[in-house]
All heavy atoms as atom14 arrays in JSON, in Angstrom:
{
  "sequence": "IFVDLDGFKEINDVFDHGVGDEVLREVASRLNANIRQGDVVGRFGG",
  "atom14_mask": [
    [1, 1, 1, 1, 1, 1, 1, 1, 0, 0, 0, 0, 0, 0],
    [1, 1, 1, 1, 1, 1, 1, 1, 1, 1, 1, 0, 0, 0],
    [1, 1, 1, 1, 1, 1, 1, 0, 0, 0, 0, 0, 0, 0],
    [1, 1, 1, 1, 1, 1, 1, 1, 0, 0, 0, 0, 0, 0],
    [1, 1, 1, 1, 1, 1, 1, 1, 0, 0, 0, 0, 0, 0],
    [1, 1, 1, 1, 1, 1, 1, 1, 0, 0, 0, 0, 0, 0],
    [1, 1, 1, 1, 0, 0, 0, 0, 0, 0, 0, 0, 0, 0],
    [1, 1, 1, 1, 1, 1, 1, 1, 1, 1, 1, 0, 0, 0],
    [1, 1, 1, 1, 1, 1, 1, 1, 1, 0, 0, 0, 0, 0],
    [1, 1, 1, 1, 1, 1, 1, 1, 1, 0, 0, 0, 0, 0],
    [1, 1, 1, 1, 1, 1, 1, 1, 0, 0, 0, 0, 0, 0],
    [1, 1, 1, 1, 1, 1, 1, 1, 0, 0, 0, 0, 0, 0],
    [1, 1, 1, 1, 1, 1, 1, 1, 0, 0, 0, 0, 0, 0],
    [1, 1, 1, 1, 1, 1, 1, 0, 0, 0, 0, 0, 0, 0],
    [1, 1, 1, 1, 1, 1, 1, 1, 1, 1, 1, 0, 0, 0],
    [1, 1, 1, 1, 1, 1, 1, 1, 0, 0, 0, 0, 0, 0],
    [1, 1, 1, 1, 1, 1, 1, 1, 1, 1, 0, 0, 0, 0],
    [1, 1, 1, 1, 0, 0, 0, 0, 0, 0, 0, 0, 0, 0],
    [1, 1, 1, 1, 1, 1, 1, 0, 0, 0, 0, 0, 0, 0],
    [1, 1, 1, 1, 0, 0, 0, 0, 0, 0, 0, 0, 0, 0],
    [1, 1, 1, 1, 1, 1, 1, 1, 0, 0, 0, 0, 0, 0],
    [1, 1, 1, 1, 1, 1, 1, 1, 1, 0, 0, 0, 0, 0],
    [1, 1, 1, 1, 1, 1, 1, 0, 0, 0, 0, 0, 0, 0],
    [1, 1, 1, 1, 1, 1, 1, 1, 0, 0, 0, 0, 0, 0],
    [1, 1, 1, 1, 1, 1, 1, 1, 1, 1, 1, 0, 0, 0],
    [1, 1, 1, 1, 1, 1, 1, 1, 1, 0, 0, 0, 0, 0],
    [1, 1, 1, 1, 1, 1, 1, 0, 0, 0, 0, 0, 0, 0],
    [1, 1, 1, 1, 1, 0, 0, 0, 0, 0, 0, 0, 0, 0],
    [1, 1, 1, 1, 1, 1, 0, 0, 0, 0, 0, 0, 0, 0],
    [1, 1, 1, 1, 1, 1, 1, 1, 1, 1, 1, 0, 0, 0],
    [1, 1, 1, 1, 1, 1, 1, 1, 0, 0, 0, 0, 0, 0],
    [1, 1, 1, 1, 1, 1, 1, 1, 0, 0, 0, 0, 0, 0],
    [1, 1, 1, 1, 1, 0, 0, 0, 0, 0, 0, 0, 0, 0],
    [1, 1, 1, 1, 1, 1, 1, 1, 0, 0, 0, 0, 0, 0],
    [1, 1, 1, 1, 1, 1, 1, 1, 0, 0, 0, 0, 0, 0],
    [1, 1, 1, 1, 1, 1, 1, 1, 1, 1, 1, 0, 0, 0],
    [1, 1, 1, 1, 1, 1, 1, 1, 1, 0, 0, 0, 0, 0],
    [1, 1, 1, 1, 0, 0, 0, 0, 0, 0, 0, 0, 0, 0],
    [1, 1, 1, 1, 1, 1, 1, 1, 0, 0, 0, 0, 0, 0],
    [1, 1, 1, 1, 1, 1, 1, 0, 0, 0, 0, 0, 0, 0],
    [1, 1, 1, 1, 1, 1, 1, 0, 0, 0, 0, 0, 0, 0],
    [1, 1, 1, 1, 0, 0, 0, 0, 0, 0, 0, 0, 0, 0],
    [1, 1, 1, 1, 1, 1, 1, 1, 1, 1, 1, 0, 0, 0],
    [1, 1, 1, 1, 1, 1, 1, 1, 1, 1, 1, 0, 0, 0],
    [1, 1, 1, 1, 0, 0, 0, 0, 0, 0, 0, 0, 0, 0],
    [1, 1, 1, 1, 0, 0, 0, 0, 0, 0, 0, 0, 0, 0]
  ],
  "atom14_positions": [
    [[12.5, 5.31, -5.38], [12.14, 3.98, -5.01], [10.76, 3.66, -5.54], [9.8, 4.35, -5.16], [12.26, 3.66, -3.48], [13.68, 3.98, -3.01], [11.86, 2.28, -3.14], [13.8, 3.87, -1.51], [0.0, 0.0, 0.0], [0.0, 0.0, 0.0], [0.0, 0.0, 0.0], [0.0, 0.0, 0.0], [0.0, 0.0, 0.0], [0.0, 0.0, 0.0]],
    [[10.62, 2.59, -6.29], [9.35, 2.22, -6.92], [8.86, 0.94, -6.26], [9.53, -0.07, -6.33], [9.52, 1.99, -8.45], [8.19, 1.92, -9.2], [8.11, 2.59, -10.42], [7.16, 1.2, -8.74], [6.88, 2.57, -11.15], [5.95, 1.18, -9.43], [5.82, 1.87, -10.67], [0.0, 0.0, 0.0], [0.0, 0.0, 0.0], [0.0, 0.0, 0.0]],
    [[7.73, 0.97, -5.58], [7.24, -0.19, -4.82], [5.91, -0.68, -5.5], [4.96, 0.1, -5.71], [6.89, 0.16, -3.35], [6.33, -1.03, -2.65], [8.16, 0.68, -2.64], [0.0, 0.0, 0.0], [0.0, 0.0, 0.0], [0.0, 0.0, 0.0], [0.0, 0.0, 0.0], [0.0, 0.0, 0.0], [0.0, 0.0, 0.0], [0.0, 0.0, 0.0]],
    [[5.94, -1.94, -5.9], [4.71, -2.53, -6.48], [4.36, -3.77, -5.57], [5.22, -4.62, -5.38], [4.95, -3.02, -7.91], [3.74, -3.54, -8.58], [2.96, -2.75, -9.17], [3.49, -4.77, -8.52], [0.0, 0.0, 0.0], [0.0, 0.0, 0.0], [0.0, 0.0, 0.0], [0.0, 0.0, 0.0], [0.0, 0.0, 0.0], [0.0, 0.0, 0.0]],
    [[3.13, -3.86, -5.11], [2.69, -4.9, -4.2], [2.56, -6.23, -4.99], [1.94, -6.32, -6.08], [1.42, -4.52, -3.5], [1.48, -3.25, -2.67], [0.08, -3.0, -2.0], [2.57, -3.26, -1.66], [0.0, 0.0, 0.0], [0.0, 0.0, 0.0], [0.0, 0.0, 0.0], [0.0, 0.0, 0.0], [0.0, 0.0, 0.0], [0.0, 0.0, 0.0]],
    [[2.99, -7.33, -4.34], [2.8, -8.65, -4.85], [1.64, -9.36, -4.1], [1.66, -9.29, -2.85], [4.07, -9.52, -4.66], [5.27, -8.9, -5.33], [5.16, -8.33, -6.39], [6.38, -8.94, -4.72], [0.0, 0.0, 0.0], [0.0, 0.0, 0.0], [0.0, 0.0, 0.0], [0.0, 0.0, 0.0], [0.0, 0.0, 0.0], [0.0, 0.0, 0.0]],
    [[0.67, -9.91, -4.79], [-0.4, -10.59, -4.08], [-1.57, -9.72, -3.74], [-2.55, -10.22, -3.11], [0.0, 0.0, 0.0], [0.0, 0.0, 0.0], [0.0, 0.0, 0.0], [0.0, 0.0, 0.0], [0.0, 0.0, 0.0], [0.0, 0.0, 0.0], [0.0, 0.0, 0.0], [0.0, 0.0, 0.0], [0.0, 0.0, 0.0], [0.0, 0.0, 0.0]],
    [[-1.56, -8.5, -4.15], [-2.64, -7.57, -3.73], [-3.92, -7.98, -4.54], [-5.0, -7.87, -3.95], [-2.29, -6.15, -4.06], [-3.37, -5.17, -3.68], [-3.71, -4.9, -2.4], [-4.12, -4.56, -4.73], [-4.7, -4.04, -2.08], [-5.17, -3.66, -4.41], [-5.45, -3.4, -3.1], [0.0, 0.0, 0.0], [0.0, 0.0, 0.0], [0.0, 0.0, 0.0]],
    [[-3.81, -8.43, -5.78], [-4.98, -8.79, -6.59], [-5.72, -9.96, -5.91], [-6.97, -9.93, -5.86], [-4.53, -9.19, -7.96], [-5.74, -9.52, -8.93], [-5.22, -9.84, -10.32], [-6.45, -10.12, -11.24], [-7.19, -11.19, -10.79], [0.0, 0.0, 0.0], [0.0, 0.0, 0.0], [0.0, 0.0, 0.0], [0.0, 0.0, 0.0], [0.0, 0.0, 0.0]],
    [[-4.96, -10.91, -5.35], [-5.67, -12.01, -4.65], [-6.44, -11.52, -3.44], [-7.51, -12.07, -3.09], [-4.6, -13.07, -4.21], [-4.0, -13.88, -5.38], [-2.94, -13.06, -6.17], [-2.64, -11.92, -5.71], [-2.52, -13.51, -7.23], [0.0, 0.0, 0.0], [0.0, 0.0, 0.0], [0.0, 0.0, 0.0], [0.0, 0.0, 0.0], [0.0, 0.0, 0.0]],
    [[-5.9, -10.53, -2.74], [-6.63, -9.96, -1.62], [-7.98, -9.45, -2.09], [-8.99, -9.7, -1.45], [-5.81, -8.84, -0.97], [-4.57, -9.39, -0.3], [-6.7, -8.07, 0.14], [-4.76, -10.14, 0.95], [0.0, 0.0, 0.0], [0.0, 0.0, 0.0], [0.0, 0.0, 0.0], [0.0, 0.0, 0.0], [0.0, 0.0, 0.0], [0.0, 0.0, 0.0]],
    [[-7.99, -8.69, -3.17], [-9.23, -8.12, -3.72], [-10.17, -9.21, -4.2], [-11.37, -9.1, -4.12], [-8.93, -7.14, -4.82], [-8.72, -5.72, -4.36], [-9.19, -5.39, -3.26], [-8.0, -4.9, -5.1], [0.0, 0.0, 0.0], [0.0, 0.0, 0.0], [0.0, 0.0, 0.0], [0.0, 0.0, 0.0], [0.0, 0.0, 0.0], [0.0, 0.0, 0.0]],
    [[-9.56, -10.33, -4.75], [-10.42, -11.4, -5.26], [-11.06, -12.16, -4.2], [-12.25, -12.55, -4.29], [-9.59, -12.35, -6.15], [-9.12, -11.66, -7.46], [-9.77, -10.6, -7.8], [-8.2, -12.16, -8.11], [0.0, 0.0, 0.0], [0.0, 0.0, 0.0], [0.0, 0.0, 0.0], [0.0, 0.0, 0.0], [0.0, 0.0, 0.0], [0.0, 0.0, 0.0]],
    [[-10.31, -12.46, -3.1], [-10.85, -13.25, -1.99], [-11.8, -12.44, -1.09], [-12.79, -12.9, -0.69], [-9.67, -13.81, -1.14], [-10.24, -14.55, 0.08], [-8.88, -14.78, -2.0], [0.0, 0.0, 0.0], [0.0, 0.0, 0.0], [0.0, 0.0, 0.0], [0.0, 0.0, 0.0], [0.0, 0.0, 0.0], [0.0, 0.0, 0.0], [0.0, 0.0, 0.0]],
    [[-11.33, -11.2, -0.8], [-12.15, -10.31, 0.02], [-12.79, -9.23, -0.88], [-12.64, -9.21, -2.08], [-11.29, -9.65, 1.09], [-10.56, -10.67, 1.94], [-9.24, -11.02, 1.67], [-11.21, -11.27, 3.03], [-8.58, -11.99, 2.44], [-10.52, -12.21, 3.83], [-9.23, -12.52, 3.53], [0.0, 0.0, 0.0], [0.0, 0.0, 0.0], [0.0, 0.0, 0.0]],
    [[-13.53, -8.4, -0.24], [-14.13, -7.25, -1.03], [-13.12, -6.12, -1.14], [-12.09, -6.11, -0.53], [-15.45, -6.81, -0.46], [-15.31, -6.31, 1.01], [-14.21, -5.86, 1.37], [-16.32, -6.36, 1.73], [0.0, 0.0, 0.0], [0.0, 0.0, 0.0], [0.0, 0.0, 0.0], [0.0, 0.0, 0.0], [0.0, 0.0, 0.0], [0.0, 0.0, 0.0]],
    [[-13.53, -5.1, -1.92], [-12.64, -3.95, -2.18], [-12.45, -3.12, -0.87], [-11.47, -2.42, -0.73], [-13.14, -3.08, -3.29], [-12.95, -3.7, -4.63], [-11.78, -3.67, -5.29], [-13.8, -4.39, -5.45], [-11.86, -4.29, -6.44], [-13.14, -4.76, -6.58], [0.0, 0.0, 0.0], [0.0, 0.0, 0.0], [0.0, 0.0, 0.0], [0.0, 0.0, 0.0]],
    [[-13.38, -3.22, 0.05], [-13.19, -2.53, 1.32], [-11.99, -3.03, 2.06], [-11.18, -2.2, 2.63], [0.0, 0.0, 0.0], [0.0, 0.0, 0.0], [0.0, 0.0, 0.0], [0.0, 0.0, 0.0], [0.0, 0.0, 0.0], [0.0, 0.0, 0.0], [0.0, 0.0, 0.0], [0.0, 0.0, 0.0], [0.0, 0.0, 0.0], [0.0, 0.0, 0.0]],
    [[-11.72, -4.38, 2.01], [-10.56, -4.94, 2.65], [-9.31, -4.48, 1.89], [-8.29, -4.15, 2.49], [-10.7, -6.47, 2.7], [-9.33, -7.07, 3.2], [-11.82, -6.91, 3.63], [0.0, 0.0, 0.0], [0.0, 0.0, 0.0], [0.0, 0.0, 0.0], [0.0, 0.0, 0.0], [0.0, 0.0, 0.0], [0.0, 0.0, 0.0], [0.0, 0.0, 0.0]],
    [[-9.44, -4.51, 0.55], [-8.32, -4.0, -0.25], [-7.96, -2.59, 0.12], [-6.72, -2.23, 0.15], [0.0, 0.0, 0.0], [0.0, 0.0, 0.0], [0.0, 0.0, 0.0], [0.0, 0.0, 0.0], [0.0, 0.0, 0.0], [0.0, 0.0, 0.0], [0.0, 0.0, 0.0], [0.0, 0.0, 0.0], [0.0, 0.0, 0.0], [0.0, 0.0, 0.0]],
    [[-8.92, -1.74, 0.31], [-8.63, -0.36, 0.72], [-7.9, -0.28, 2.08], [-6.96, 0.47, 2.29], [-9.91, 0.49, 0.8], [-10.52, 0.73, -0.57], [-9.77, 0.51, -1.61], [-11.72, 1.14, -0.63], [0.0, 0.0, 0.0], [0.0, 0.0, 0.0], [0.0, 0.0, 0.0], [0.0, 0.0, 0.0], [0.0, 0.0, 0.0], [0.0, 0.0, 0.0]],
    [[-8.35, -1.22, 2.98], [-7.7, -1.24, 4.31], [-6.21, -1.65, 4.19], [-5.36, -1.18, 4.88], [-8.41, -2.17, 5.26], [-9.73, -1.64, 5.84], [-9.47, -0.4, 6.65], [-8.53, -0.4, 7.45], [-10.32, 0.55, 6.59], [0.0, 0.0, 0.0], [0.0, 0.0, 0.0], [0.0, 0.0, 0.0], [0.0, 0.0, 0.0], [0.0, 0.0, 0.0]],
    [[-5.99, -2.59, 3.29], [-4.62, -3.06, 3.04], [-3.74, -1.89, 2.5], [-2.63, -1.69, 2.98], [-4.59, -4.24, 2.05], [-3.17, -4.56, 1.61], [-5.25, -5.46, 2.71], [0.0, 0.0, 0.0], [0.0, 0.0, 0.0], [0.0, 0.0, 0.0], [0.0, 0.0, 0.0], [0.0, 0.0, 0.0], [0.0, 0.0, 0.0], [0.0, 0.0, 0.0]],
    [[-4.3, -1.13, 1.55], [-3.53, -0.03, 1.02], [-3.19, 1.08, 2.07], [-2.13, 1.62, 2.08], [-4.31, 0.57, -0.17], [-4.46, -0.26, -1.41], [-5.32, 0.44, -2.47], [-3.1, -0.58, -2.03], [0.0, 0.0, 0.0], [0.0, 0.0, 0.0], [0.0, 0.0, 0.0], [0.0, 0.0, 0.0], [0.0, 0.0, 0.0], [0.0, 0.0, 0.0]],
    [[-4.21, 1.29, 2.93], [-3.92, 2.23, 4.06], [-2.87, 1.68, 4.99], [-2.06, 2.44, 5.51], [-5.27, 2.54, 4.81], [-6.18, 3.53, 4.05], [-7.29, 3.98, 4.96], [-8.31, 2.98, 5.03], [-9.42, 2.95, 4.27], [-9.59, 3.9, 3.34], [-10.38, 2.04, 4.41], [0.0, 0.0, 0.0], [0.0, 0.0, 0.0], [0.0, 0.0, 0.0]],
    [[-2.88, 0.41, 5.26], [-1.86, -0.2, 6.16], [-0.5, -0.09, 5.49], [0.51, 0.22, 6.18], [-2.27, -1.63, 6.42], [-1.23, -2.37, 7.25], [-0.98, -1.85, 8.63], [-1.87, -1.06, 9.14], [0.06, -2.11, 9.27], [0.0, 0.0, 0.0], [0.0, 0.0, 0.0], [0.0, 0.0, 0.0], [0.0, 0.0, 0.0], [0.0, 0.0, 0.0]],
    [[-0.42, -0.37, 4.23], [0.85, -0.25, 3.5], [1.38, 1.17, 3.54], [2.55, 1.42, 3.81], [0.73, -0.69, 2.05], [1.96, -0.37, 1.2], [0.45, -2.24, 1.93], [0.0, 0.0, 0.0], [0.0, 0.0, 0.0], [0.0, 0.0, 0.0], [0.0, 0.0, 0.0], [0.0, 0.0, 0.0], [0.0, 0.0, 0.0], [0.0, 0.0, 0.0]],
    [[0.5, 2.13, 3.38], [0.94, 3.57, 3.44], [1.5, 3.88, 4.86], [2.5, 4.57, 4.96], [-0.34, 4.45, 3.16], [0.0, 0.0, 0.0], [0.0, 0.0, 0.0], [0.0, 0.0, 0.0], [0.0, 0.0, 0.0], [0.0, 0.0, 0.0], [0.0, 0.0, 0.0], [0.0, 0.0, 0.0], [0.0, 0.0, 0.0], [0.0, 0.0, 0.0]],
    [[0.85, 3.3, 5.9], [1.33, 3.53, 7.23], [2.74, 2.9, 7.42], [3.64, 3.52, 8.0], [0.36, 2.94, 8.24], [0.87, 3.08, 9.54], [0.0, 0.0, 0.0], [0.0, 0.0, 0.0], [0.0, 0.0, 0.0], [0.0, 0.0, 0.0], [0.0, 0.0, 0.0], [0.0, 0.0, 0.0], [0.0, 0.0, 0.0], [0.0, 0.0, 0.0]],
    [[2.94, 1.72, 6.88], [4.25, 1.06, 6.99], [5.31, 1.74, 6.17], [6.47, 1.84, 6.61], [4.08, -0.4, 6.56], [3.17, -1.2, 7.45], [3.03, -2.69, 6.98], [2.08, -3.39, 7.76], [1.81, -4.69, 7.6], [2.51, -5.4, 6.71], [0.9, -5.32, 8.35], [0.0, 0.0, 0.0], [0.0, 0.0, 0.0], [0.0, 0.0, 0.0]],
    [[4.89, 2.34, 5.05], [5.91, 3.1, 4.28], [6.34, 4.35, 5.05], [7.52, 4.66, 5.15], [5.26, 3.53, 2.96], [5.07, 2.44, 1.92], [4.3, 2.98, 0.72], [6.36, 1.8, 1.47], [0.0, 0.0, 0.0], [0.0, 0.0, 0.0], [0.0, 0.0, 0.0], [0.0, 0.0, 0.0], [0.0, 0.0, 0.0], [0.0, 0.0, 0.0]],
    [[5.4, 5.06, 5.57], [5.72, 6.24, 6.38], [6.64, 5.97, 7.57], [7.41, 6.77, 7.92], [4.45, 6.95, 6.88], [3.86, 7.94, 5.85], [4.6, 8.66, 5.18], [2.57, 7.92, 5.76], [0.0, 0.0, 0.0], [0.0, 0.0, 0.0], [0.0, 0.0, 0.0], [0.0, 0.0, 0.0], [0.0, 0.0, 0.0], [0.0, 0.0, 0.0]],
    [[6.42, 4.78, 8.16], [7.21, 4.45, 9.37], [8.63, 4.0, 9.08], [9.47, 3.9, 9.92], [6.5, 3.27, 10.08], [0.0, 0.0, 0.0], [0.0, 0.0, 0.0], [0.0, 0.0, 0.0], [0.0, 0.0, 0.0], [0.0, 0.0, 0.0], [0.0, 0.0, 0.0], [0.0, 0.0, 0.0], [0.0, 0.0, 0.0], [0.0, 0.0, 0.0]],
    [[8.93, 3.73, 7.75], [10.23, 3.18, 7.45], [11.05, 4.04, 6.49], [12.04, 3.58, 5.97], [10.09, 1.78, 6.85], [9.66, 0.77, 7.91], [10.53, 0.25, 8.67], [8.38, 0.49, 7.99], [0.0, 0.0, 0.0], [0.0, 0.0, 0.0], [0.0, 0.0, 0.0], [0.0, 0.0, 0.0], [0.0, 0.0, 0.0], [0.0, 0.0, 0.0]],
    [[10.59, 5.23, 6.16], [11.42, 6.2, 5.4], [12.1, 7.16, 6.34], [11.91, 7.23, 7.48], [10.53, 6.91, 4.38], [9.48, 7.73, 5.02], [9.93, 5.93, 3.37], [8.64, 8.58, 4.14], [0.0, 0.0, 0.0], [0.0, 0.0, 0.0], [0.0, 0.0, 0.0], [0.0, 0.0, 0.0], [0.0, 0.0, 0.0], [0.0, 0.0, 0.0]],
    [[13.01, 7.95, 5.75], [13.79, 8.93, 6.49], [12.9, 10.2, 6.61], [12.07, 10.42, 5.8], [15.1, 9.29, 5.83], [15.99, 8.07, 5.57], [17.22, 8.54, 4.75], [16.81, 9.24, 3.58], [17.64, 9.9, 2.77], [18.95, 9.97, 2.99], [17.18, 10.54, 1.68], [0.0, 0.0, 0.0], [0.0, 0.0, 0.0], [0.0, 0.0, 0.0]],
    [[13.25, 11.02, 7.62], [12.64, 12.34, 7.67], [13.02, 13.18, 6.49], [14.27, 13.33, 6.16], [13.04, 13.05, 9.01], [12.32, 14.38, 9.19], [12.7, 15.01, 10.51], [13.51, 14.47, 11.28], [12.05, 16.12, 10.83], [0.0, 0.0, 0.0], [0.0, 0.0, 0.0], [0.0, 0.0, 0.0], [0.0, 0.0, 0.0], [0.0, 0.0, 0.0]],
    [[12.11, 13.73, 5.79], [12.43, 14.5, 4.6], [12.15, 13.81, 3.34], [12.01, 14.41, 2.25], [0.0, 0.0, 0.0], [0.0, 0.0, 0.0], [0.0, 0.0, 0.0], [0.0, 0.0, 0.0], [0.0, 0.0, 0.0], [0.0, 0.0, 0.0], [0.0, 0.0, 0.0], [0.0, 0.0, 0.0], [0.0, 0.0, 0.0], [0.0, 0.0, 0.0]],
    [[12.09, 12.45, 3.38], [11.7, 11.66, 2.19], [10.23, 11.93, 1.89], [9.42, 12.12, 2.77], [11.95, 10.15, 2.41], [13.48, 9.86, 2.52], [14.27, 10.72, 2.09], [13.76, 8.77, 3.02], [0.0, 0.0, 0.0], [0.0, 0.0, 0.0], [0.0, 0.0, 0.0], [0.0, 0.0, 0.0], [0.0, 0.0, 0.0], [0.0, 0.0, 0.0]],
    [[9.83, 11.83, 0.67], [8.48, 12.06, 0.18], [7.94, 10.73, -0.36], [8.5, 10.17, -1.27], [8.37, 13.11, -0.9], [6.9, 13.3, -1.3], [8.93, 14.47, -0.35], [0.0, 0.0, 0.0], [0.0, 0.0, 0.0], [0.0, 0.0, 0.0], [0.0, 0.0, 0.0], [0.0, 0.0, 0.0], [0.0, 0.0, 0.0], [0.0, 0.0, 0.0]],
    [[6.88, 10.24, 0.24], [6.23, 9.01, -0.21], [4.88, 9.32, -0.75], [4.08, 10.12, -0.18], [6.2, 7.95, 1.0], [5.34, 8.52, 2.16], [5.55, 6.64, 0.46], [0.0, 0.0, 0.0], [0.0, 0.0, 0.0], [0.0, 0.0, 0.0], [0.0, 0.0, 0.0], [0.0, 0.0, 0.0], [0.0, 0.0, 0.0], [0.0, 0.0, 0.0]],
    [[4.48, 8.65, -1.85], [3.2, 8.92, -2.47], [2.68, 7.67, -3.18], [3.42, 6.7, -3.41], [0.0, 0.0, 0.0], [0.0, 0.0, 0.0], [0.0, 0.0, 0.0], [0.0, 0.0, 0.0], [0.0, 0.0, 0.0], [0.0, 0.0, 0.0], [0.0, 0.0, 0.0], [0.0, 0.0, 0.0], [0.0, 0.0, 0.0], [0.0, 0.0, 0.0]],
    [[1.38, 7.68, -3.43], [0.7, 6.61, -4.18], [0.66, 7.01, -5.62], [0.02, 7.98, -5.95], [-0.65, 6.35, -3.59], [-1.35, 5.18, -4.25], [-2.81, 5.03, -3.72], [-3.48, 3.96, -4.4], [-4.83, 3.86, -4.3], [-5.59, 4.78, -3.75], [-5.41, 2.83, -4.98], [0.0, 0.0, 0.0], [0.0, 0.0, 0.0], [0.0, 0.0, 0.0]],
    [[1.34, 6.23, -6.47], [1.35, 6.51, -7.84], [0.06, 6.11, -8.57], [-0.36, 6.76, -9.48], [2.56, 5.88, -8.49], [2.83, 6.29, -9.96], [3.25, 7.52, -10.28], [2.53, 5.4, -11.02], [3.45, 7.93, -11.59], [2.69, 5.78, -12.28], [3.14, 7.06, -12.59], [0.0, 0.0, 0.0], [0.0, 0.0, 0.0], [0.0, 0.0, 0.0]],
    [[-0.53, 5.05, -8.04], [-1.77, 4.55, -8.64], [-1.96, 3.1, -8.29], [-0.93, 2.36, -8.19], [0.0, 0.0, 0.0], [0.0, 0.0, 0.0], [0.0, 0.0, 0.0], [0.0, 0.0, 0.0], [0.0, 0.0, 0.0], [0.0, 0.0, 0.0], [0.0, 0.0, 0.0], [0.0, 0.0, 0.0], [0.0, 0.0, 0.0], [0.0, 0.0, 0.0]],
    [[-3.2, 2.65, -8.09], [-3.45, 1.21, -7.78], [-2.69, 0.78, -6.57], [-2.84, 1.36, -5.45], [0.0, 0.0, 0.0], [0.0, 0.0, 0.0], [0.0, 0.0, 0.0], [0.0, 0.0, 0.0], [0.0, 0.0, 0.0], [0.0, 0.0, 0.0], [0.0, 0.0, 0.0], [0.0, 0.0, 0.0], [0.0, 0.0, 0.0], [0.0, 0.0, 0.0]]
  ]
}
């Protein structure tokens, strides 16, 4: 499964990159909460 975020660039443009980092951490948490046990989730980049 390949996940690419929509609207993330606008978050970085409106807010600073610190907020963007918080968004990425929140997305990572939501991904972990919605996969099966044994599935492997990772950040490919950006």
